[in-house]
Protein backbone atom coordinates (compact mmCIF):
# COMPACT_ATOMS: atom_id res chain seq x y z
CA MET A 1 5.54 -7.19 -8.25
CA HIS A 2 8.09 -4.64 -8.45
CA VAL A 3 9.07 -1.54 -6.20
CA GLY A 4 6.50 0.30 -7.94
CA HIS A 5 3.84 -1.61 -6.11
CA LEU A 6 5.16 -1.12 -2.60
CA ARG A 7 3.64 2.24 -1.83
CA ASN A 8 -0.03 1.52 -2.72
CA SER A 9 0.09 -1.51 -0.49
CA ILE A 10 1.85 0.03 2.56
CA ILE A 11 -0.14 3.41 2.39
CA GLY A 12 -3.79 1.70 1.59
CA ASP A 13 -3.17 -0.73 4.32
CA ALA A 14 -2.20 2.17 6.83
CA ALA A 15 -4.97 4.31 5.69
CA VAL A 16 -7.78 1.67 6.23
CA LYS A 17 -6.39 1.01 9.72
CA LEU A 18 -6.40 4.57 10.81
CA LEU A 19 -9.98 4.99 9.32
CA GLU A 20 -11.18 1.68 11.13
CA PHE A 21 -9.72 2.67 14.32
CA THR A 22 -11.62 6.01 14.23
CA GLY A 23 -15.00 4.41 13.79
CA GLU A 24 -15.21 4.32 9.85
CA ARG A 25 -16.86 1.10 8.20
CA VAL A 26 -14.23 0.52 5.43
CA ILE A 27 -14.80 -1.52 2.50
CA ARG A 28 -11.22 -2.67 0.89
CA ARG A 29 -11.02 -3.31 -2.72
CA HIS A 30 -7.83 -4.74 -4.24
CA HIS A 31 -7.36 -4.31 -7.88
CA ILE A 32 -6.06 -7.80 -8.74
CA GLY A 33 -7.42 -9.45 -11.96
CA ASP A 34 -6.82 -6.97 -14.50
CA TRP A 35 -8.10 -7.12 -18.00
CA GLY A 36 -5.85 -5.04 -19.97
CA THR A 37 -3.59 -5.48 -23.06
CA GLN A 38 -1.13 -7.53 -21.26
CA PHE A 39 -3.42 -10.27 -20.75
CA GLY A 40 -4.70 -10.45 -24.41
CA MET A 41 -0.76 -10.56 -25.15
CA LEU A 42 -0.23 -13.61 -22.78
CA ILE A 43 -3.33 -15.25 -23.69
CA GLN A 44 -2.93 -14.85 -27.42
CA TYR A 45 0.86 -16.26 -26.92
CA LEU A 46 -0.17 -19.28 -24.84
CA THR A 47 -2.71 -20.41 -27.49
CA GLU A 48 -0.45 -20.13 -30.29
CA HIS A 49 2.40 -21.83 -27.88
CA PRO A 50 0.50 -24.51 -26.04
CA GLU A 51 3.60 -26.36 -25.28
CA GLU A 52 4.62 -23.78 -22.55
CA SER A 53 1.17 -24.22 -20.82
CA ALA A 54 2.48 -27.48 -19.28
CA GLN A 55 3.36 -27.26 -15.59
CA GLU A 56 6.07 -29.78 -14.29
CA GLY A 57 4.69 -32.03 -11.99
CA GLY A 58 1.29 -32.12 -10.13
CA SER A 59 2.23 -30.38 -6.82
CA PRO A 60 1.24 -27.03 -6.03
CA VAL A 61 3.79 -24.08 -7.06
CA SER A 62 5.41 -21.88 -4.62
CA GLY A 63 5.21 -18.20 -5.09
CA GLU A 64 8.68 -18.18 -6.58
CA GLU A 65 7.97 -20.59 -9.14
CA ALA A 66 4.73 -19.04 -10.12
CA MET A 67 6.66 -15.76 -10.65
CA SER A 68 9.23 -17.31 -12.78
CA ARG A 69 7.02 -19.16 -14.88
CA LEU A 70 4.62 -15.79 -15.53
CA ASN A 71 7.75 -13.73 -15.94
CA HIS A 72 9.16 -15.96 -18.72
CA LEU A 73 5.87 -16.30 -20.44
CA TYR A 74 5.50 -12.25 -20.19
CA LYS A 75 8.76 -11.63 -21.61
CA ALA A 76 8.39 -14.14 -24.39
CA SER A 77 4.85 -12.50 -25.34
CA ARG A 78 6.14 -9.13 -24.89
CA ALA A 79 8.82 -9.60 -27.42
CA LEU A 80 6.68 -11.07 -29.93
CA PHE A 81 4.07 -8.36 -29.27
CA ASP A 82 6.65 -5.80 -30.04
CA ALA A 83 8.31 -7.47 -33.05
CA ASP A 84 5.31 -8.95 -34.92
CA GLN A 85 2.33 -6.40 -36.08
CA GLU A 86 0.01 -9.31 -36.88
CA PHE A 87 0.39 -11.12 -33.44
CA ARG A 88 -0.15 -7.55 -31.73
CA GLN A 89 -3.56 -7.26 -33.86
CA ARG A 90 -4.42 -10.70 -32.76
CA ALA A 91 -3.57 -9.99 -29.01
CA ARG A 92 -5.67 -6.88 -29.08
CA ARG A 93 -8.73 -8.90 -30.53
CA ARG A 94 -8.16 -11.28 -27.80
CA VAL A 95 -8.69 -8.55 -25.19
CA VAL A 96 -12.17 -7.72 -27.07
CA GLU A 97 -13.04 -11.48 -26.66
CA LEU A 98 -12.09 -11.64 -23.10
CA GLN A 99 -14.57 -8.81 -22.26
CA ALA A 100 -16.98 -10.46 -24.25
CA GLY A 101 -16.87 -13.74 -22.08
CA ASP A 102 -15.42 -16.21 -24.69
CA PRO A 103 -15.29 -19.19 -22.45
CA ARG A 104 -11.81 -20.51 -23.58
CA THR A 105 -10.22 -17.15 -23.18
CA LEU A 106 -11.83 -16.58 -19.57
CA ALA A 107 -10.51 -19.98 -18.68
CA LEU A 108 -6.80 -19.07 -19.59
CA TRP A 109 -7.21 -15.61 -18.01
CA GLN A 110 -8.53 -17.36 -14.70
CA GLY A 111 -5.47 -19.63 -14.94
CA PHE A 112 -3.10 -16.52 -15.12
CA VAL A 113 -4.89 -14.76 -12.35
CA ASP A 114 -5.04 -17.79 -9.81
CA GLU A 115 -1.34 -18.47 -10.68
CA SER A 116 -0.20 -14.63 -10.18
CA LYS A 117 -2.24 -14.89 -6.67
CA VAL A 118 0.11 -17.50 -5.36
CA TYR A 119 3.01 -15.16 -5.98
CA PHE A 120 1.23 -11.95 -4.80
CA ASN A 121 -0.12 -13.68 -1.68
CA SER A 122 3.60 -14.82 -0.95
CA VAL A 123 4.90 -11.21 -1.08
CA PHE A 124 1.87 -9.70 0.74
CA ASP A 125 2.54 -12.11 3.64
CA LYS A 126 6.17 -10.81 3.78
CA LEU A 127 5.03 -7.29 3.60
CA ASP A 128 2.73 -8.24 6.60
CA VAL A 129 -0.14 -6.68 4.75
CA GLU A 130 -3.65 -8.81 4.90
CA VAL A 131 -5.28 -9.47 1.50
CA ARG A 132 -8.50 -11.38 1.90
CA ASP A 133 -10.08 -12.99 -0.95
CA GLU A 134 -13.24 -11.22 -0.61
CA ASP A 135 -11.53 -7.98 -0.90
CA VAL A 136 -9.98 -8.75 -4.20
CA VAL A 137 -12.29 -7.32 -6.87
CA GLY A 138 -10.46 -6.13 -9.78
CA GLU A 139 -11.24 -4.74 -13.22
CA SER A 140 -12.79 -7.96 -14.43
CA ALA A 141 -15.56 -7.98 -11.50
CA TYR A 142 -17.15 -4.79 -13.19
CA ASN A 143 -17.22 -6.50 -17.05
CA GLY A 144 -20.98 -7.13 -16.76
CA MET A 145 -21.66 -3.36 -16.10
CA LEU A 146 -19.36 -1.97 -18.88
CA ALA A 147 -21.95 -2.21 -21.96
CA GLU A 148 -24.46 -0.42 -19.63
CA THR A 149 -22.32 2.08 -18.24
CA CYS A 150 -21.71 3.14 -21.96
CA ARG A 151 -25.32 3.34 -22.95
CA MET A 152 -26.13 5.33 -19.98
CA LEU A 153 -23.36 8.04 -20.77
CA GLU A 154 -24.14 8.10 -24.41
CA GLU A 155 -27.74 8.34 -23.99
CA SER A 156 -27.49 11.25 -21.24
CA GLY A 157 -25.21 12.95 -23.67
CA VAL A 158 -22.38 13.02 -21.09
CA ALA A 159 -20.33 10.83 -23.67
CA VAL A 160 -20.33 11.28 -27.59
CA ARG A 161 -19.08 9.00 -30.45
CA SER A 162 -15.83 10.44 -31.90
CA GLU A 163 -14.30 8.55 -34.66
CA GLY A 164 -15.83 5.45 -33.65
CA ALA A 165 -14.90 5.63 -29.89
CA LEU A 166 -17.07 6.59 -27.06
CA CYS A 167 -15.50 9.76 -25.43
CA VAL A 168 -16.16 12.48 -22.93
CA PHE A 169 -14.49 15.97 -23.52
CA PHE A 170 -13.41 18.57 -21.28
CA ASP A 171 -12.54 22.16 -21.95
CA ASP A 172 -9.59 22.45 -19.68
CA VAL A 173 -7.86 19.09 -20.71
CA LEU A 174 -5.81 20.00 -23.95
CA GLY A 175 -3.02 17.98 -25.76
CA PRO A 176 -0.02 19.79 -27.09
CA ASP A 177 -1.70 20.56 -30.11
CA GLY A 178 -4.23 22.65 -28.21
CA LYS A 179 -6.99 20.19 -29.06
CA PRO A 180 -9.17 18.68 -26.40
CA VAL A 181 -7.99 15.35 -25.02
CA PRO A 182 -11.09 13.10 -24.27
CA LEU A 183 -11.67 10.35 -21.79
CA ILE A 184 -12.02 7.24 -23.98
CA VAL A 185 -14.82 5.16 -22.49
CA GLN A 186 -15.06 2.69 -25.15
CA LYS A 187 -12.53 2.22 -28.31
CA SER A 188 -13.47 2.06 -31.82
CA ASP A 189 -13.07 -1.55 -31.68
CA GLY A 190 -15.54 -2.23 -29.21
CA GLY A 191 -13.02 -2.81 -26.51
CA PHE A 192 -13.64 -0.93 -23.01
CA GLY A 193 -10.82 1.03 -21.47
CA TYR A 194 -9.92 1.75 -17.98
CA ALA A 195 -12.41 4.58 -17.93
CA ALA A 196 -15.24 2.19 -18.53
CA THR A 197 -14.08 -0.01 -15.63
CA ASP A 198 -13.48 2.88 -13.28
CA LEU A 199 -16.90 4.53 -13.95
CA SER A 200 -18.77 1.25 -13.43
CA ALA A 201 -16.93 0.84 -10.18
CA ILE A 202 -18.20 4.02 -8.99
CA ARG A 203 -21.68 3.08 -9.84
CA ASP A 204 -21.16 -0.06 -7.82
CA ARG A 205 -19.58 1.43 -4.97
CA VAL A 206 -22.07 4.06 -4.55
CA GLY A 207 -25.07 2.60 -5.57
CA GLU A 208 -24.59 -1.12 -4.24
CA LEU A 209 -22.29 -0.64 -1.49
CA GLY A 210 -23.68 2.80 -0.40
CA ALA A 211 -20.06 4.26 0.16
CA ASP A 212 -19.89 7.97 0.94
CA THR A 213 -16.27 8.17 0.41
CA LEU A 214 -14.30 6.62 -2.38
CA LEU A 215 -10.69 6.66 -1.67
CA TYR A 216 -8.35 5.85 -4.43
CA VAL A 217 -4.62 4.67 -3.52
CA VAL A 218 -3.04 5.14 -6.68
CA ASP A 219 0.27 6.64 -8.38
CA ALA A 220 0.19 10.18 -8.73
CA ARG A 221 0.74 9.72 -12.58
CA GLN A 222 -2.77 8.79 -13.04
CA ALA A 223 -4.13 12.03 -11.44
CA LEU A 224 -5.42 13.59 -14.89
CA HIS A 225 -7.22 9.96 -15.62
CA PHE A 226 -8.96 10.11 -12.23
CA ARG A 227 -9.92 14.05 -12.19
CA MET A 228 -11.62 13.16 -15.81
CA VAL A 229 -13.18 9.91 -14.45
CA PHE A 230 -14.68 11.86 -11.21
CA GLU A 231 -15.80 14.74 -13.29
CA THR A 232 -17.74 12.17 -15.74
CA ALA A 233 -19.32 10.52 -13.03
CA ARG A 234 -20.69 13.73 -11.46
CA ARG A 235 -22.00 14.76 -14.89
CA ALA A 236 -23.70 11.57 -14.88
CA GLY A 237 -25.07 11.65 -11.49
CA TRP A 238 -23.06 8.80 -10.24
CA LEU A 239 -20.99 11.09 -7.94
CA THR A 240 -23.57 13.16 -5.75
CA GLU A 241 -23.00 15.97 -3.09
CA ARG A 242 -23.20 13.40 -0.42
CA VAL A 243 -20.55 11.50 -2.18
CA LYS A 244 -16.75 12.44 -2.35
CA ALA A 245 -14.07 10.69 -4.24
CA VAL A 246 -10.50 11.42 -3.47
CA GLN A 247 -7.30 10.28 -5.07
CA LEU A 248 -4.67 9.65 -2.44
CA ALA A 249 -2.04 10.16 -4.92
CA PHE A 250 1.45 8.77 -4.23
CA GLY A 251 4.79 9.70 -5.50
CA THR A 252 7.65 7.53 -6.85
CA VAL A 253 10.03 5.69 -5.01
CA LEU A 254 13.73 6.72 -6.11
CA GLY A 255 17.02 5.16 -5.80
CA LYS A 256 19.84 6.69 -3.72
CA ASP A 257 21.02 8.76 -7.05
CA GLY A 258 17.24 10.31 -6.92
CA LYS A 259 16.34 8.59 -10.11
CA PRO A 260 13.51 6.02 -10.33
CA PHE A 261 14.54 2.91 -8.67
CA LYS A 262 16.26 0.37 -11.08
CA THR A 263 18.74 -2.59 -10.76
CA ARG A 264 22.07 -2.00 -12.58
CA SER A 265 21.10 -3.65 -15.59
CA GLY A 266 18.40 -1.23 -15.84
CA GLU A 267 15.51 -3.51 -14.76
CA THR A 268 12.77 -2.65 -12.29
CA VAL A 269 13.86 -4.00 -8.85
CA ARG A 270 11.58 -6.97 -7.67
CA LEU A 271 9.75 -6.13 -4.27
CA ALA A 272 10.31 -9.49 -3.04
CA ASP A 273 13.92 -9.14 -3.36
CA LEU A 274 13.79 -5.66 -1.76
CA LEU A 275 11.99 -6.92 1.12
CA ASP A 276 14.56 -9.79 1.49
CA GLU A 277 17.69 -7.40 1.60
CA ALA A 278 15.79 -5.30 4.44
CA ILE A 279 15.31 -8.39 6.44
CA ALA A 280 19.06 -9.43 5.84
CA ARG A 281 20.14 -5.80 6.90
CA ALA A 282 17.89 -5.76 10.06
CA ALA A 283 19.12 -9.16 11.05
CA ALA A 284 22.93 -7.74 11.14
CA VAL A 285 21.51 -4.68 13.52
CA VAL A 286 19.51 -7.11 15.73
CA ARG A 287 22.30 -9.49 15.93
CA GLU A 288 24.66 -6.96 17.13
CA LYS A 289 22.34 -5.48 19.85
CA ALA A 290 20.62 -8.90 20.83
CA GLN A 291 20.86 -9.77 24.35
CA GLY A 292 19.93 -13.47 25.14
CA LEU A 293 18.02 -13.88 21.98
CA SER A 294 18.16 -17.36 20.02
CA GLU A 295 18.60 -17.65 16.51
CA GLU A 296 14.98 -18.08 16.03
CA GLU A 297 14.22 -14.97 17.78
CA ILE A 298 16.63 -12.98 15.99
CA ALA A 299 15.21 -14.24 12.61
CA GLU A 300 11.72 -13.36 13.80
CA ARG A 301 12.84 -10.00 15.10
CA ALA A 302 14.95 -9.23 11.88
CA ALA A 303 11.68 -9.65 9.75
CA GLN A 304 9.79 -7.20 12.33
CA VAL A 305 12.46 -4.45 12.04
CA GLY A 306 13.22 -5.10 8.30
CA ILE A 307 9.74 -4.68 7.08
CA GLY A 308 9.03 -2.16 9.88
CA ALA A 309 11.85 -0.03 8.39
CA VAL A 310 10.75 -0.28 4.82
CA LYS A 311 7.05 0.57 5.92
CA TYR A 312 8.16 3.71 8.00
CA ALA A 313 10.46 5.20 5.47
CA ASP A 314 7.61 5.39 3.17
CA LEU A 315 4.71 6.51 5.90
CA SER A 316 6.85 9.03 7.36
CA THR A 317 6.99 10.69 4.05
CA SER A 318 4.03 12.67 2.58
CA ALA A 319 2.43 10.32 0.37
CA GLY A 320 2.49 12.79 -2.64
CA ARG A 321 6.09 13.35 -2.39
CA ASP A 322 8.90 10.86 -4.05
CA TYR A 323 11.34 9.28 -1.65
CA ARG A 324 14.67 7.79 -1.69
CA PHE A 325 15.14 4.16 -0.88
CA ASP A 326 18.26 3.87 1.12
CA LEU A 327 18.26 0.85 3.32
CA ASP A 328 21.35 1.90 5.32
CA GLN A 329 19.54 4.99 6.56
CA MET A 330 16.22 2.92 7.03
CA VAL A 331 17.67 0.40 9.34
CA ALA A 332 19.76 2.99 11.21
CA LEU A 333 19.41 2.96 15.11
CA ASN A 334 19.38 6.68 15.25
CA GLY A 335 17.26 9.46 13.43
CA ASP A 336 13.95 9.08 12.35
CA THR A 337 13.35 5.56 11.49
CA SER A 338 11.21 2.68 12.82
CA VAL A 339 14.17 0.91 14.38
CA TYR A 340 14.67 3.83 16.67
CA LEU A 341 11.03 3.60 17.70
CA GLN A 342 11.11 -0.22 18.21
CA TYR A 343 14.17 0.04 20.43
CA ALA A 344 12.54 2.94 22.54
CA HIS A 345 9.44 0.43 22.96
CA ALA A 346 11.66 -2.47 23.78
CA ARG A 347 13.78 -0.34 26.17
CA ILE A 348 10.56 0.62 28.05
CA HIS A 349 9.87 -3.00 28.41
CA SER A 350 13.43 -3.89 29.68
CA LEU A 351 12.75 -1.06 32.50
CA LEU A 352 9.55 -2.62 33.36
CA ARG A 353 11.10 -6.16 33.77
CA LYS A 354 13.84 -4.60 36.04
CA ALA A 355 11.43 -2.78 38.21
CA GLY A 356 10.68 -5.86 40.47
CA ALA A 357 8.36 -4.86 43.23
CA LEU A 358 7.88 -1.51 41.84
CA ARG A 359 4.70 -1.23 39.69
CA PRO A 360 3.55 1.65 37.31
CA ALA A 361 0.93 3.62 39.01
CA ALA A 362 -0.46 7.19 38.50
CA HIS A 363 0.19 10.00 41.28
CA PRO A 364 -1.86 12.83 40.07
CA GLU A 365 -0.64 14.85 43.30
CA LEU A 366 2.98 14.80 41.94
CA GLU A 367 3.60 17.85 39.89
CA LEU A 368 5.10 17.25 36.57
CA THR A 369 8.08 19.50 35.62
CA GLY A 370 10.69 19.51 32.95
CA PRO A 371 10.90 16.32 30.50
CA GLU A 372 8.17 14.54 32.70
CA ARG A 373 5.57 17.28 31.88
CA ALA A 374 6.73 17.61 28.21
CA LEU A 375 6.07 13.82 27.88
CA GLY A 376 2.89 13.90 29.55
CA LEU A 377 1.27 16.74 27.69
CA PHE A 378 2.57 15.33 24.49
CA LEU A 379 0.92 11.82 25.35
CA ASP A 380 -2.21 13.87 25.83
CA GLN A 381 -2.17 14.58 22.00
CA PHE A 382 -2.19 11.03 20.54
CA ALA A 383 -6.15 11.05 20.30
CA SER A 384 -6.18 14.43 18.34
CA THR A 385 -3.10 13.18 16.29
CA VAL A 386 -4.78 9.92 15.13
CA ALA A 387 -8.08 11.66 14.27
CA GLY A 388 -6.21 14.35 12.21
CA ALA A 389 -4.22 11.62 10.43
CA ALA A 390 -7.41 9.62 9.59
CA ALA A 391 -9.36 12.78 8.46
CA ASP A 392 -6.46 13.70 6.04
CA TYR A 393 -5.53 10.02 4.98
CA ALA A 394 -2.21 11.27 6.28
CA PRO A 395 -0.09 8.37 8.02
CA HIS A 396 2.93 10.60 7.96
CA LYS A 397 1.37 12.83 10.50
CA LEU A 398 1.08 9.80 13.07
CA ALA A 399 4.75 8.76 12.16
CA ALA A 400 5.75 12.20 12.77
CA TYR A 401 4.25 12.15 16.22
CA LEU A 402 5.73 8.98 17.19
CA TYR A 403 8.92 9.83 16.35
CA GLN A 404 8.69 13.07 18.60
CA LEU A 405 7.10 10.98 21.25
CA ALA A 406 9.86 8.52 21.24
CA SER A 407 12.51 11.69 21.51
CA LEU A 408 10.66 13.13 24.23
CA TYR A 409 11.01 9.83 25.88
CA THR A 410 14.64 9.47 25.38
CA SER A 411 15.05 12.98 27.03
CA PHE A 412 12.88 11.92 29.93
CA TYR A 413 14.60 8.88 30.41
CA ASP A 414 18.11 10.48 30.46
CA GLN A 415 17.19 13.37 32.57
CA CYS A 416 14.69 11.77 35.11
CA PRO A 417 15.60 8.67 37.33
CA VAL A 418 12.85 6.16 37.31
CA LEU A 419 13.89 3.08 39.31
CA ARG A 420 16.41 5.14 41.57
CA ALA A 421 13.77 8.05 41.77
CA ASP A 422 13.82 9.97 45.08
CA THR A 423 10.64 8.34 46.57
CA ALA A 424 8.47 5.15 45.55
CA GLU A 425 5.66 7.52 44.64
CA LEU A 426 7.68 9.07 42.06
CA ALA A 427 9.28 5.91 40.68
CA GLU A 428 5.70 4.48 40.31
CA ASN A 429 4.67 7.65 38.51
CA ARG A 430 7.52 7.47 36.19
CA LEU A 431 7.14 3.91 35.45
CA PHE A 432 3.42 4.79 34.71
CA LEU A 433 4.56 7.47 32.23
CA SER A 434 6.74 4.63 30.74
CA GLU A 435 4.26 2.22 30.48
CA VAL A 436 1.73 4.85 28.76
CA THR A 437 4.49 5.78 26.39
CA ALA A 438 5.18 2.02 25.38
CA ARG A 439 1.32 1.36 25.04
CA THR A 440 0.99 4.63 22.76
CA LEU A 441 4.29 3.69 20.61
CA ARG A 442 2.59 0.12 20.24
CA LEU A 443 -0.85 1.07 19.26
CA GLY A 444 0.55 3.91 16.96
CA MET A 445 3.08 1.74 15.12
CA SER A 446 0.29 -0.97 14.73
CA LEU A 447 -1.78 1.53 13.05
CA LEU A 448 0.89 2.08 10.52
CA GLY A 449 1.20 -1.71 10.25
CA ILE A 450 4.28 -2.02 12.21
CA ARG A 451 5.17 -4.61 14.76
CA THR A 452 7.01 -3.44 18.11
CA PRO A 453 8.56 -6.44 19.74
CA GLU A 454 9.19 -6.34 23.66
CA ARG A 455 12.72 -7.42 23.43
CA LEU A 456 15.41 -6.22 20.72
């Protein structure tokens, strides 16, 4: 998993949380368990180099060990695939055998998937994103439907044979030469492409699961593919007027230089390394501000702050836009960052602890003016904001609300004495406003998948 896998995990998780909170029944589908050419390449390489299949020792491997082993096999097989035309052909035939259900090929594929999941789960745990086994339904899960999907498309006339391949053509999708570019459902060698899988998945999700909305959290660069897939499904009658399919397309993660995020050597940045660095930066911030926290508590808060910073930087940006990954800015205490929101939440809890005998209590007979009124009215917009963010699949709208809320609370706190208010009733009322603000920040951040510690 590299930095390119960051956004779909974070955006998808937040979208699900928002939809479930507003009453929707959501079925998650994680596309782990791919079939593509890379697996044919890996399996063929391992078949021809069985000495590399041995795993040292009999104990379970860690996420890092699994990643290291798989990375080595991938690089070795990729080098051979690029250099040897005959190996390339054997690897592609292996994909066809995999899709045809060859037992030995399937067993090797399952071993790769199982070992990959060890690493995936270690990264998802660090990212604080829940991925349940029952929600992992990848491309391979629809293998038994592919041939029927192709038959249905061909018999209905939606797809036609062209140079041996089964294709769907569109008048408005043209290549550089001005000729129509088809959606290839089945290749001329009998293998199935992503289109066959995606169309079969639509059949399953609408026909078997009864879905009325299909939400795809996928890179914006796949927009044309999904436009063609959705149109094909509509022509075939699998997407109807009662079912909508939406691609929640997301942009690219860029480096500080505005270019796609790479290491100095030009390689794609590993996601686990990025998250570790974010936690390390956050630890320095937490340690600097820590008041009476143990080293264990600092480490726990650092993970919450660091991962929160990465998530918020992503979710506070409209999904379709590219954004620059700048850890220094992400963990800053000031500005539109999750750290600012987390410290606002912790500050309120510190205030509540210092209140002593004073307890938060609403006094509706007291007139709210100035910063108090602005804060109270804005708190009242939380429900409509969440509903709007869920309806538009737009976590950034909730993030913008939470930042504005924290800013309004800062103005209120600076201008309206709470514990030293003129009367006990006024102090209780201001404590009540503070407590509601903290609860709103906590709930709103949780819908973005970000934790809010009570002490920082």
